[in-house]
């Protein structure tokens, strides 16, 4: 059974600089207070765990991983609409 991509918001303690953010090229980011929130589509659980391992490998403190509920059409490209 194929899995569907899901949107995730991943909250990390501290404001990540350009070098650390470059480890997550497919994720958008927001600096909020003393935290960084990475947001993006991940294809499956394996991709999610890959991001978590990357965070751990960089010595960053993971605060929260949250799946963001989206409408079914939010992932479609303009050509599909």
N, C-alpha and C. Protein backbone atom coordinates (compact mmCIF):
# COMPACT_ATOMS: atom_id res chain seq x y z
N UNK A 1 0.85 -1.18 0.00
CA UNK A 1 0.00 0.00 0.00
C UNK A 1 0.89 1.24 0.00
N UNK A 2 0.77 2.11 -0.98
CA UNK A 2 1.62 3.30 -1.04
C UNK A 2 1.28 4.29 0.07
N UNK A 3 2.31 4.96 0.55
CA UNK A 3 2.08 5.98 1.57
C UNK A 3 1.98 7.34 0.90
N UNK A 4 1.29 8.24 1.56
CA UNK A 4 1.12 9.59 1.02
C UNK A 4 2.00 10.55 1.81
N UNK A 5 2.49 11.53 1.12
CA UNK A 5 3.30 12.56 1.77
C UNK A 5 2.44 13.33 2.77
N UNK A 6 3.08 13.77 3.82
CA UNK A 6 2.40 14.55 4.86
C UNK A 6 3.22 15.80 5.16
N UNK A 7 2.52 16.83 5.59
CA UNK A 7 3.15 18.08 6.01
C UNK A 7 3.49 17.97 7.49
N UNK A 8 4.72 18.39 7.83
CA UNK A 8 5.16 18.36 9.22
C UNK A 8 5.70 19.72 9.64
N UNK A 9 5.51 20.05 10.91
CA UNK A 9 6.13 21.20 11.55
C UNK A 9 7.04 20.63 12.63
N UNK A 10 8.31 21.00 12.58
CA UNK A 10 9.31 20.46 13.49
C UNK A 10 9.94 21.63 14.23
N UNK A 11 9.77 21.65 15.54
CA UNK A 11 10.24 22.77 16.36
C UNK A 11 11.56 22.40 17.04
N UNK A 12 12.55 23.28 16.89
CA UNK A 12 13.90 23.05 17.41
C UNK A 12 14.28 24.21 18.32
N UNK A 13 14.94 23.90 19.43
CA UNK A 13 15.38 24.94 20.35
C UNK A 13 16.53 25.72 19.72
N UNK A 14 16.45 27.05 19.81
CA UNK A 14 17.50 27.92 19.28
C UNK A 14 17.19 28.42 17.88
N UNK A 15 17.83 29.49 17.52
CA UNK A 15 17.68 30.04 16.17
C UNK A 15 18.81 29.49 15.31
N UNK A 16 18.47 28.64 14.36
CA UNK A 16 19.47 28.04 13.50
C UNK A 16 20.02 29.06 12.52
N UNK A 17 21.31 29.01 12.28
CA UNK A 17 21.97 29.86 11.30
C UNK A 17 21.91 29.24 9.91
N UNK A 18 22.47 29.93 8.96
CA UNK A 18 22.43 29.50 7.56
C UNK A 18 23.07 28.13 7.36
N UNK A 19 24.17 27.86 8.04
CA UNK A 19 24.85 26.58 7.88
C UNK A 19 23.98 25.43 8.34
N UNK A 20 23.38 25.54 9.54
CA UNK A 20 22.51 24.48 10.05
C UNK A 20 21.26 24.34 9.19
N UNK A 21 20.69 25.46 8.75
CA UNK A 21 19.49 25.40 7.91
C UNK A 21 19.76 24.74 6.57
N UNK A 22 21.00 24.82 6.09
CA UNK A 22 21.33 24.20 4.80
C UNK A 22 21.24 22.68 4.87
N UNK A 23 21.18 22.11 6.06
CA UNK A 23 21.01 20.66 6.22
C UNK A 23 19.58 20.22 5.93
N UNK A 24 18.68 21.18 5.78
CA UNK A 24 17.26 20.88 5.56
C UNK A 24 16.75 21.63 4.32
N UNK A 25 17.31 21.36 3.15
CA UNK A 25 16.99 22.17 1.96
C UNK A 25 15.54 22.09 1.50
N UNK A 26 14.85 21.01 1.82
CA UNK A 26 13.46 20.89 1.37
C UNK A 26 12.46 21.46 2.36
N UNK A 27 12.95 22.01 3.47
CA UNK A 27 12.07 22.53 4.51
C UNK A 27 12.11 24.05 4.54
N UNK A 28 10.94 24.65 4.72
CA UNK A 28 10.86 26.10 4.97
C UNK A 28 11.13 26.30 6.46
N UNK A 29 11.51 27.51 6.84
CA UNK A 29 11.78 27.74 8.26
C UNK A 29 11.24 29.09 8.70
N UNK A 30 10.98 29.16 10.01
CA UNK A 30 10.60 30.40 10.67
C UNK A 30 11.40 30.48 11.96
N UNK A 31 11.93 31.65 12.26
CA UNK A 31 12.59 31.89 13.54
C UNK A 31 11.57 32.58 14.43
N UNK A 32 11.19 31.91 15.50
CA UNK A 32 10.15 32.42 16.39
C UNK A 32 10.72 32.44 17.81
N UNK A 33 10.94 33.66 18.30
CA UNK A 33 11.54 33.77 19.63
C UNK A 33 12.88 33.08 19.64
N UNK A 34 13.08 32.18 20.56
CA UNK A 34 14.32 31.44 20.65
C UNK A 34 14.25 30.07 20.01
N UNK A 35 13.36 29.90 19.04
CA UNK A 35 13.17 28.60 18.41
C UNK A 35 13.15 28.73 16.89
N UNK A 36 13.41 27.59 16.25
CA UNK A 36 13.31 27.50 14.79
C UNK A 36 12.23 26.46 14.48
N UNK A 37 11.32 26.79 13.58
CA UNK A 37 10.29 25.85 13.16
C UNK A 37 10.53 25.52 11.69
N UNK A 38 10.81 24.25 11.42
CA UNK A 38 10.95 23.75 10.05
C UNK A 38 9.61 23.20 9.61
N UNK A 39 9.18 23.54 8.41
CA UNK A 39 7.90 23.07 7.89
C UNK A 39 8.11 22.56 6.47
N UNK A 40 7.51 21.41 6.18
CA UNK A 40 7.63 20.90 4.82
C UNK A 40 6.96 19.55 4.65
N UNK A 41 6.85 19.17 3.39
CA UNK A 41 6.27 17.88 3.01
C UNK A 41 7.35 16.81 3.11
N UNK A 42 7.02 15.71 3.77
CA UNK A 42 7.91 14.56 3.84
C UNK A 42 7.16 13.37 3.24
N UNK A 43 7.84 12.65 2.39
CA UNK A 43 7.19 11.60 1.59
C UNK A 43 6.66 10.43 2.41
N UNK A 44 7.35 10.09 3.49
CA UNK A 44 6.93 8.94 4.29
C UNK A 44 7.60 9.00 5.66
N UNK A 45 7.36 7.98 6.47
CA UNK A 45 7.93 7.94 7.82
C UNK A 45 9.45 7.88 7.78
N UNK A 46 9.97 7.20 6.79
CA UNK A 46 11.42 7.10 6.66
C UNK A 46 12.04 8.48 6.47
N UNK A 47 11.42 9.31 5.65
CA UNK A 47 11.91 10.69 5.44
C UNK A 47 11.82 11.49 6.73
N UNK A 48 10.75 11.32 7.48
CA UNK A 48 10.60 12.00 8.77
C UNK A 48 11.72 11.59 9.72
N UNK A 49 11.96 10.29 9.83
CA UNK A 49 13.01 9.83 10.72
C UNK A 49 14.38 10.30 10.24
N UNK A 50 14.56 10.44 8.93
CA UNK A 50 15.82 10.98 8.41
C UNK A 50 16.06 12.40 8.88
N UNK A 51 15.01 13.23 8.90
CA UNK A 51 15.14 14.61 9.39
C UNK A 51 15.46 14.60 10.89
N UNK A 52 14.80 13.73 11.62
CA UNK A 52 15.06 13.65 13.07
C UNK A 52 16.50 13.22 13.34
N UNK A 53 16.99 12.26 12.59
CA UNK A 53 18.38 11.81 12.74
C UNK A 53 19.34 12.95 12.40
N UNK A 54 19.01 13.74 11.38
CA UNK A 54 19.85 14.89 11.00
C UNK A 54 19.89 15.91 12.14
N UNK A 55 18.76 16.18 12.75
CA UNK A 55 18.68 17.11 13.89
C UNK A 55 19.57 16.59 15.03
N UNK A 56 19.42 15.32 15.34
CA UNK A 56 20.24 14.71 16.39
C UNK A 56 21.72 14.77 16.06
N UNK A 57 22.07 14.48 14.81
CA UNK A 57 23.46 14.49 14.38
C UNK A 57 24.11 15.86 14.48
N UNK A 58 23.31 16.90 14.34
CA UNK A 58 23.82 18.27 14.45
C UNK A 58 23.87 18.75 15.90
N UNK A 59 23.42 17.90 16.82
CA UNK A 59 23.44 18.27 18.24
C UNK A 59 22.37 19.27 18.61
N UNK A 60 21.29 19.32 17.83
CA UNK A 60 20.20 20.26 18.10
C UNK A 60 19.19 19.63 19.04
N UNK A 61 18.46 20.47 19.77
CA UNK A 61 17.44 19.97 20.70
C UNK A 61 16.07 20.01 20.04
N UNK A 62 15.53 18.83 19.79
CA UNK A 62 14.20 18.69 19.19
C UNK A 62 13.15 18.94 20.26
N UNK A 63 12.24 19.88 20.00
CA UNK A 63 11.19 20.20 20.97
C UNK A 63 9.85 19.57 20.61
N UNK A 64 9.53 19.50 19.30
CA UNK A 64 8.21 19.01 18.90
C UNK A 64 8.24 18.59 17.44
N UNK A 65 7.53 17.51 17.15
CA UNK A 65 7.24 17.10 15.77
C UNK A 65 5.73 16.99 15.68
N UNK A 66 5.16 17.70 14.72
CA UNK A 66 3.69 17.73 14.60
C UNK A 66 3.31 17.56 13.15
N UNK A 67 2.41 16.62 12.89
CA UNK A 67 1.87 16.48 11.55
C UNK A 67 0.80 17.55 11.36
N UNK A 68 0.90 18.29 10.26
CA UNK A 68 -0.03 19.37 9.98
C UNK A 68 -1.13 18.85 9.06
N UNK A 69 -2.34 18.97 9.50
CA UNK A 69 -3.48 18.53 8.68
C UNK A 69 -3.70 19.54 7.57
N UNK A 70 -3.83 19.05 6.36
CA UNK A 70 -4.05 19.92 5.20
C UNK A 70 -5.22 19.39 4.39
N UNK A 71 -5.76 20.24 3.53
CA UNK A 71 -6.83 19.80 2.65
C UNK A 71 -6.23 18.94 1.55
N UNK A 72 -6.99 18.02 0.97
CA UNK A 72 -6.46 17.13 -0.07
C UNK A 72 -5.90 17.87 -1.28
N UNK A 73 -6.41 19.06 -1.58
CA UNK A 73 -5.95 19.78 -2.76
C UNK A 73 -4.72 20.63 -2.51
N UNK A 74 -4.31 20.80 -1.27
CA UNK A 74 -3.20 21.72 -0.97
C UNK A 74 -1.87 21.23 -1.53
N UNK A 75 -1.73 19.96 -1.84
CA UNK A 75 -0.48 19.40 -2.36
C UNK A 75 -0.44 19.40 -3.89
N UNK A 76 -1.59 19.62 -4.55
CA UNK A 76 -1.64 19.58 -6.00
C UNK A 76 -0.95 20.78 -6.62
N UNK A 77 -0.35 20.54 -7.76
CA UNK A 77 0.27 21.64 -8.49
C UNK A 77 -0.79 22.44 -9.23
N UNK A 78 -0.40 23.60 -9.73
CA UNK A 78 -1.35 24.43 -10.47
C UNK A 78 -1.88 23.72 -11.71
N UNK A 79 -1.08 22.83 -12.30
CA UNK A 79 -1.52 22.11 -13.49
C UNK A 79 -2.64 21.12 -13.20
N UNK A 80 -2.70 20.62 -11.97
CA UNK A 80 -3.69 19.63 -11.61
C UNK A 80 -5.01 20.25 -11.18
N UNK A 81 -5.04 21.53 -10.92
CA UNK A 81 -6.25 22.19 -10.42
C UNK A 81 -7.18 22.58 -11.53
